[in-house]
Amino acid sequence: MDIKVRVNDTINIKWVVGMITSRIEQEEIPLVKDDTFQKIDITVLDGDEGEVAYNLTGCLVNFYIKKFGELSHTNINHEACTITDAVNGKCQYQLSSGDLPKAGTYYADIVLVKGTNKMTIPEPIRLDIREKNV
């Protein structure tokens, strides 16, 4: 028997930011409890400019993960995304130990901060976390 496994260490999310509407182009994300290998690539697009890249120069992007039904987020003190290509609206969040401590449904918010202005994605991203089999 031949078994092939594809390792995908990156999950891609597109966030279209607009003055009138804002939306996420990503379905639910399946992950495994306590995994830290995956990186979450986020592309922010400017919906007011025909969905071209939103320039992240001078911005902070934070990724907050919270288990459904719990009060506080799980990735306290490491919410920041790394801006990988500011001009092209690209940043990345690296999963860390403690981000996904239990199996179940989590939701993630992406928050864009520029100066004193802050914008949160309109709908959180759903993360479906399963138990490890090993």
C-alpha atoms as a PDB file:
ATOM      1  CA  MET A   1       0.000   0.000   0.000  1.00  0.00           C
ATOM      2  CA  ASP A   2       1.326   3.389  -0.978  1.00  0.00           C
ATOM      3  CA  ILE A   3       0.236   6.365   1.110  1.00  0.00           C
ATOM      4  CA  LYS A   4       0.998   9.909   0.064  1.00  0.00           C
ATOM      5  CA  VAL A   5       0.708  12.834   2.437  1.00  0.00           C
ATOM      6  CA  ARG A   6       0.875  16.432   1.323  1.00  0.00           C
ATOM      7  CA  VAL A   7       2.294  18.751   3.964  1.00  0.00           C
ATOM      8  CA  ASN A   8       0.822  22.199   3.657  1.00  0.00           C
ATOM      9  CA  ASP A   9       2.431  24.488   6.179  1.00  0.00           C
ATOM     10  CA  THR A  10       0.579  27.580   5.007  1.00  0.00           C
ATOM     11  CA  ILE A  11      -3.105  28.515   5.153  1.00  0.00           C
ATOM     12  CA  ASN A  12      -4.165  31.416   2.939  1.00  0.00           C
ATOM     13  CA  ILE A  13      -6.752  34.037   3.873  1.00  0.00           C
ATOM     14  CA  LYS A  14      -7.844  37.032   1.790  1.00  0.00           C
ATOM     15  CA  TRP A  15      -9.450  40.005   3.521  1.00  0.00           C
ATOM     16  CA  VAL A  16     -11.125  42.561   1.262  1.00  0.00           C
ATOM     17  CA  VAL A  17     -11.275  45.892   3.078  1.00  0.00           C
ATOM     18  CA  GLY A  18     -13.675  48.537   1.808  1.00  0.00           C
ATOM     19  CA  MET A  19     -15.376  51.646   3.082  1.00  0.00           C
ATOM     20  CA  ILE A  20     -18.822  50.167   2.425  1.00  0.00           C
ATOM     21  CA  THR A  21     -18.241  46.430   2.684  1.00  0.00           C
ATOM     22  CA  SER A  22     -15.601  44.127   4.044  1.00  0.00           C
ATOM     23  CA  ARG A  23     -15.394  40.393   3.594  1.00  0.00           C
ATOM     24  CA  ILE A  24     -13.189  37.368   4.121  1.00  0.00           C
ATOM     25  CA  GLU A  25     -12.480  34.890   1.352  1.00  0.00           C
ATOM     26  CA  GLN A  26     -11.743  31.749   3.369  1.00  0.00           C
ATOM     27  CA  GLU A  27     -13.713  28.742   4.422  1.00  0.00           C
ATOM     28  CA  GLU A  28     -13.395  26.931   7.719  1.00  0.00           C
ATOM     29  CA  ILE A  29      -9.839  25.913   8.598  1.00  0.00           C
ATOM     30  CA  PRO A  30      -9.265  22.372   9.929  1.00  0.00           C
ATOM     31  CA  LEU A  31      -6.317  21.998  12.341  1.00  0.00           C
ATOM     32  CA  VAL A  32      -5.107  19.594  15.029  1.00  0.00           C
ATOM     33  CA  LYS A  33      -4.889  20.406  18.756  1.00  0.00           C
ATOM     34  CA  ASP A  34      -1.509  21.890  19.796  1.00  0.00           C
ATOM     35  CA  ASP A  35      -0.134  21.990  16.236  1.00  0.00           C
ATOM     36  CA  THR A  36       2.328  24.822  15.659  1.00  0.00           C
ATOM     37  CA  PHE A  37       3.698  23.994  12.202  1.00  0.00           C
ATOM     38  CA  GLN A  38       1.214  25.984  10.138  1.00  0.00           C
ATOM     39  CA  LYS A  39       1.588  29.589   9.167  1.00  0.00           C
ATOM     40  CA  ILE A  40      -1.487  31.585   8.258  1.00  0.00           C
ATOM     41  CA  ASP A  41      -0.841  33.880   5.292  1.00  0.00           C
ATOM     42  CA  ILE A  42      -3.152  36.878   5.174  1.00  0.00           C
ATOM     43  CA  THR A  43      -3.581  39.133   2.145  1.00  0.00           C
ATOM     44  CA  VAL A  44      -5.412  42.403   2.748  1.00  0.00           C
ATOM     45  CA  LEU A  45      -7.060  43.865  -0.354  1.00  0.00           C
ATOM     46  CA  ASP A  46      -8.494  47.348  -0.818  1.00  0.00           C
ATOM     47  CA  GLY A  47     -12.088  46.846  -1.973  1.00  0.00           C
ATOM     48  CA  ASP A  48     -12.475  50.553  -2.674  1.00  0.00           C
ATOM     49  CA  GLU A  49      -9.739  50.328  -5.306  1.00  0.00           C
ATOM     50  CA  GLY A  50     -11.069  47.294  -7.180  1.00  0.00           C
ATOM     51  CA  GLU A  51      -9.555  44.747  -4.798  1.00  0.00           C
ATOM     52  CA  VAL A  52      -5.915  45.717  -5.265  1.00  0.00           C
ATOM     53  CA  ALA A  53      -3.421  45.140  -2.468  1.00  0.00           C
ATOM     54  CA  TYR A  54      -3.959  47.286   0.629  1.00  0.00           C
ATOM     55  CA  ASN A  55      -0.645  48.916   1.547  1.00  0.00           C
ATOM     56  CA  LEU A  56       0.196  47.821   5.110  1.00  0.00           C
ATOM     57  CA  THR A  57       3.064  50.291   5.523  1.00  0.00           C
ATOM     58  CA  GLY A  58       2.709  51.803   9.000  1.00  0.00           C
ATOM     59  CA  CYS A  59       0.077  49.221  10.006  1.00  0.00           C
ATOM     60  CA  LEU A  60      -0.064  46.546  12.653  1.00  0.00           C
ATOM     61  CA  VAL A  61      -2.034  43.370  12.021  1.00  0.00           C
ATOM     62  CA  ASN A  62      -3.123  41.201  14.946  1.00  0.00           C
ATOM     63  CA  PHE A  63      -4.668  37.719  14.891  1.00  0.00           C
ATOM     64  CA  TYR A  64      -6.808  36.854  17.938  1.00  0.00           C
ATOM     65  CA  ILE A  65      -7.869  33.230  18.540  1.00  0.00           C
ATOM     66  CA  LYS A  66     -10.704  32.386  20.938  1.00  0.00           C
ATOM     67  CA  LYS A  67     -12.376  29.054  21.675  1.00  0.00           C
ATOM     68  CA  PHE A  68     -16.118  29.170  21.132  1.00  0.00           C
ATOM     69  CA  GLY A  69     -17.901  29.929  24.404  1.00  0.00           C
ATOM     70  CA  GLU A  70     -14.810  31.124  26.279  1.00  0.00           C
ATOM     71  CA  LEU A  71     -14.167  34.686  27.404  1.00  0.00           C
ATOM     72  CA  SER A  72     -10.511  35.316  26.607  1.00  0.00           C
ATOM     73  CA  HIS A  73      -8.369  34.580  23.603  1.00  0.00           C
ATOM     74  CA  THR A  74      -5.809  31.768  23.714  1.00  0.00           C
ATOM     75  CA  ASN A  75      -2.850  33.455  22.046  1.00  0.00           C
ATOM     76  CA  ILE A  76      -2.262  36.144  24.681  1.00  0.00           C
ATOM     77  CA  ASN A  77       1.047  38.024  24.196  1.00  0.00           C
ATOM     78  CA  HIS A  78       1.683  36.685  20.693  1.00  0.00           C
ATOM     79  CA  GLU A  79      -1.179  38.057  18.606  1.00  0.00           C
ATOM     80  CA  ALA A  80       0.991  40.052  16.192  1.00  0.00           C
ATOM     81  CA  CYS A  81       1.328  39.068  12.577  1.00  0.00           C
ATOM     82  CA  THR A  82       4.580  39.570  10.715  1.00  0.00           C
ATOM     83  CA  ILE A  83       4.239  41.961   7.781  1.00  0.00           C
ATOM     84  CA  THR A  84       5.948  40.030   4.970  1.00  0.00           C
ATOM     85  CA  ASP A  85       5.232  42.404   2.045  1.00  0.00           C
ATOM     86  CA  ALA A  86       3.643  45.665   3.171  1.00  0.00           C
ATOM     87  CA  VAL A  87       3.132  47.181  -0.284  1.00  0.00           C
ATOM     88  CA  ASN A  88       1.304  44.062  -1.491  1.00  0.00           C
ATOM     89  CA  GLY A  89      -0.842  43.737   1.661  1.00  0.00           C
ATOM     90  CA  LYS A  90       0.754  40.501   2.872  1.00  0.00           C
ATOM     91  CA  CYS A  91       1.301  39.388   6.443  1.00  0.00           C
ATOM     92  CA  GLN A  92       1.606  36.091   8.281  1.00  0.00           C
ATOM     93  CA  TYR A  93       0.636  34.590  11.620  1.00  0.00           C
ATOM     94  CA  GLN A  94       2.670  31.681  12.980  1.00  0.00           C
ATOM     95  CA  LEU A  95       0.743  29.309  15.231  1.00  0.00           C
ATOM     96  CA  SER A  96       2.428  28.956  18.626  1.00  0.00           C
ATOM     97  CA  SER A  97       2.226  26.633  21.594  1.00  0.00           C
ATOM     98  CA  GLY A  98      -0.978  27.281  23.531  1.00  0.00           C
ATOM     99  CA  ASP A  99      -2.926  28.742  20.589  1.00  0.00           C
ATOM    100  CA  LEU A 100      -5.078  25.609  20.169  1.00  0.00           C
ATOM    101  CA  PRO A 101      -5.025  23.863  23.572  1.00  0.00           C
ATOM    102  CA  LYS A 102      -8.317  21.931  23.231  1.00  0.00           C
ATOM    103  CA  ALA A 103     -10.262  20.258  20.458  1.00  0.00           C
ATOM    104  CA  GLY A 104     -13.381  22.115  19.348  1.00  0.00           C
ATOM    105  CA  THR A 105     -14.437  25.204  17.459  1.00  0.00           C
ATOM    106  CA  TYR A 106     -12.367  28.364  17.629  1.00  0.00           C
ATOM    107  CA  TYR A 107     -12.865  31.710  15.977  1.00  0.00           C
ATOM    108  CA  ALA A 108     -10.140  34.110  14.903  1.00  0.00           C
ATOM    109  CA  ASP A 109     -10.397  37.847  14.426  1.00  0.00           C
ATOM    110  CA  ILE A 110      -7.952  39.808  12.318  1.00  0.00           C
ATOM    111  CA  VAL A 111      -7.498  43.397  13.465  1.00  0.00           C
ATOM    112  CA  LEU A 112      -5.816  46.018  11.290  1.00  0.00           C
ATOM    113  CA  VAL A 113      -4.403  49.015  13.181  1.00  0.00           C
ATOM    114  CA  LYS A 114      -3.097  52.166  11.500  1.00  0.00           C
ATOM    115  CA  GLY A 115      -2.300  55.058  13.811  1.00  0.00           C
ATOM    116  CA  THR A 116      -5.313  55.553  16.063  1.00  0.00           C
ATOM    117  CA  ASN A 117      -7.676  53.777  13.650  1.00  0.00           C
ATOM    118  CA  LYS A 118      -8.647  50.141  14.078  1.00  0.00           C
ATOM    119  CA  MET A 119     -10.666  47.781  11.869  1.00  0.00           C
ATOM    120  CA  THR A 120     -11.750  44.221  12.701  1.00  0.00           C
ATOM    121  CA  ILE A 121     -12.868  41.727  10.075  1.00  0.00           C
ATOM    122  CA  PRO A 122     -16.681  41.644   9.916  1.00  0.00           C
ATOM    123  CA  GLU A 123     -16.980  37.894  10.402  1.00  0.00           C
ATOM    124  CA  PRO A 124     -14.488  35.817  12.373  1.00  0.00           C
ATOM    125  CA  ILE A 125     -12.610  32.966  10.737  1.00  0.00           C
ATOM    126  CA  ARG A 126     -13.717  29.546  11.951  1.00  0.00           C
ATOM    127  CA  LEU A 127     -11.020  27.106  13.049  1.00  0.00           C
ATOM    128  CA  ASP A 128     -12.114  23.499  13.542  1.00  0.00           C
ATOM    129  CA  ILE A 129      -9.664  21.762  15.889  1.00  0.00           C
ATOM    130  CA  ARG A 130      -9.607  18.007  16.320  1.00  0.00           C
ATOM    131  CA  GLU A 131      -7.811  15.798  18.852  1.00  0.00           C
ATOM    132  CA  LYS A 132      -4.533  14.159  17.890  1.00  0.00           C
ATOM    133  CA  ASN A 133      -4.632  10.484  17.003  1.00  0.00           C
ATOM    134  CA  VAL A 134      -1.137   9.874  18.350  1.00  0.00           C
END
